[in-house]
Amino acid sequence: MKTYRRLAAMDPPAMRSLIVELMRLSDESSASAMEQGSPEAAARAGRDARRAAAAQAALAAVEAEV
């Protein structure tokens, strides 16, 4: 979370681009987990979703400070 907050504070447009990419990755992981049905795929999808959510929260926190 600290890294995401730092990036959001230094370069909000780059952070927004990163969030778009993390959301895309999360969506792909989720779809793959649904297809595969394996615990590993589900764990990967969960991690990807948490990363995307953390990045969004970091950007929102930085924007709220301004």
Protein backbone atom coordinates (compact mmCIF):
# COMPACT_ATOMS: atom_id res chain seq x y z
CA MET A 1 0.00 0.00 0.00
CA LYS A 2 2.88 2.39 0.78
CA THR A 3 4.30 1.99 -2.71
CA TYR A 4 0.93 2.65 -4.30
CA ARG A 5 0.43 5.76 -2.16
CA ARG A 6 3.88 7.05 -3.12
CA LEU A 7 3.19 6.55 -6.81
CA ALA A 8 -0.25 8.14 -6.49
CA ALA A 9 1.26 11.19 -4.81
CA MET A 10 4.11 11.53 -7.33
CA ASP A 11 2.27 10.75 -10.55
CA PRO A 12 -1.54 10.40 -10.40
CA PRO A 13 -1.91 9.78 -14.17
CA ALA A 14 0.58 6.90 -13.99
CA MET A 15 -1.31 5.51 -11.02
CA ARG A 16 -4.59 5.66 -12.93
CA SER A 17 -2.95 3.74 -15.80
CA LEU A 18 -1.63 1.17 -13.35
CA ILE A 19 -5.10 0.76 -11.86
CA VAL A 20 -6.57 0.11 -15.32
CA GLU A 21 -3.94 -2.57 -15.92
CA LEU A 22 -4.43 -4.13 -12.48
CA MET A 23 -8.21 -4.23 -13.04
CA ARG A 24 -7.71 -5.91 -16.42
CA LEU A 25 -5.40 -8.47 -14.84
CA SER A 26 -7.88 -9.05 -12.02
CA ASP A 27 -10.71 -9.63 -14.49
CA GLU A 28 -8.59 -12.09 -16.48
CA SER A 29 -7.53 -13.95 -13.34
CA SER A 30 -11.12 -14.16 -12.17
CA ALA A 31 -12.27 -15.56 -15.50
CA SER A 32 -9.42 -18.05 -15.49
CA ALA A 33 -10.27 -19.15 -11.96
CA MET A 34 -13.86 -19.75 -12.99
CA GLU A 35 -12.73 -21.89 -15.93
CA GLN A 36 -10.04 -23.84 -14.09
CA GLY A 37 -11.73 -24.22 -10.75
CA SER A 38 -8.39 -24.88 -9.06
CA PRO A 39 -7.38 -23.51 -5.65
CA GLU A 40 -4.24 -22.00 -7.20
CA ALA A 41 -6.23 -20.08 -9.80
CA ALA A 42 -8.65 -18.87 -7.12
CA ALA A 43 -5.74 -17.71 -4.94
CA ARG A 44 -4.20 -15.84 -7.89
CA ALA A 45 -7.52 -14.17 -8.65
CA GLY A 46 -7.85 -13.11 -5.02
CA ARG A 47 -4.35 -11.63 -4.95
CA ASP A 48 -4.94 -9.76 -8.19
CA ALA A 49 -8.24 -8.37 -6.91
CA ARG A 50 -6.59 -7.23 -3.66
CA ARG A 51 -3.81 -5.47 -5.59
CA ALA A 52 -6.31 -3.61 -7.76
CA ALA A 53 -8.37 -2.61 -4.71
CA ALA A 54 -5.26 -1.44 -2.83
CA ALA A 55 -4.16 0.69 -5.77
CA GLN A 56 -7.60 2.26 -6.05
CA ALA A 57 -7.71 2.94 -2.30
CA ALA A 58 -4.26 4.52 -2.37
CA LEU A 59 -5.20 6.86 -5.20
CA ALA A 60 -8.47 7.80 -3.48
CA ALA A 61 -6.62 8.52 -0.22
CA VAL A 62 -4.08 10.76 -1.95
CA GLU A 63 -6.80 12.59 -3.89
CA ALA A 64 -8.78 13.11 -0.66
CA GLU A 65 -5.75 14.79 0.92
CA VAL A 66 -5.55 17.39 -1.83
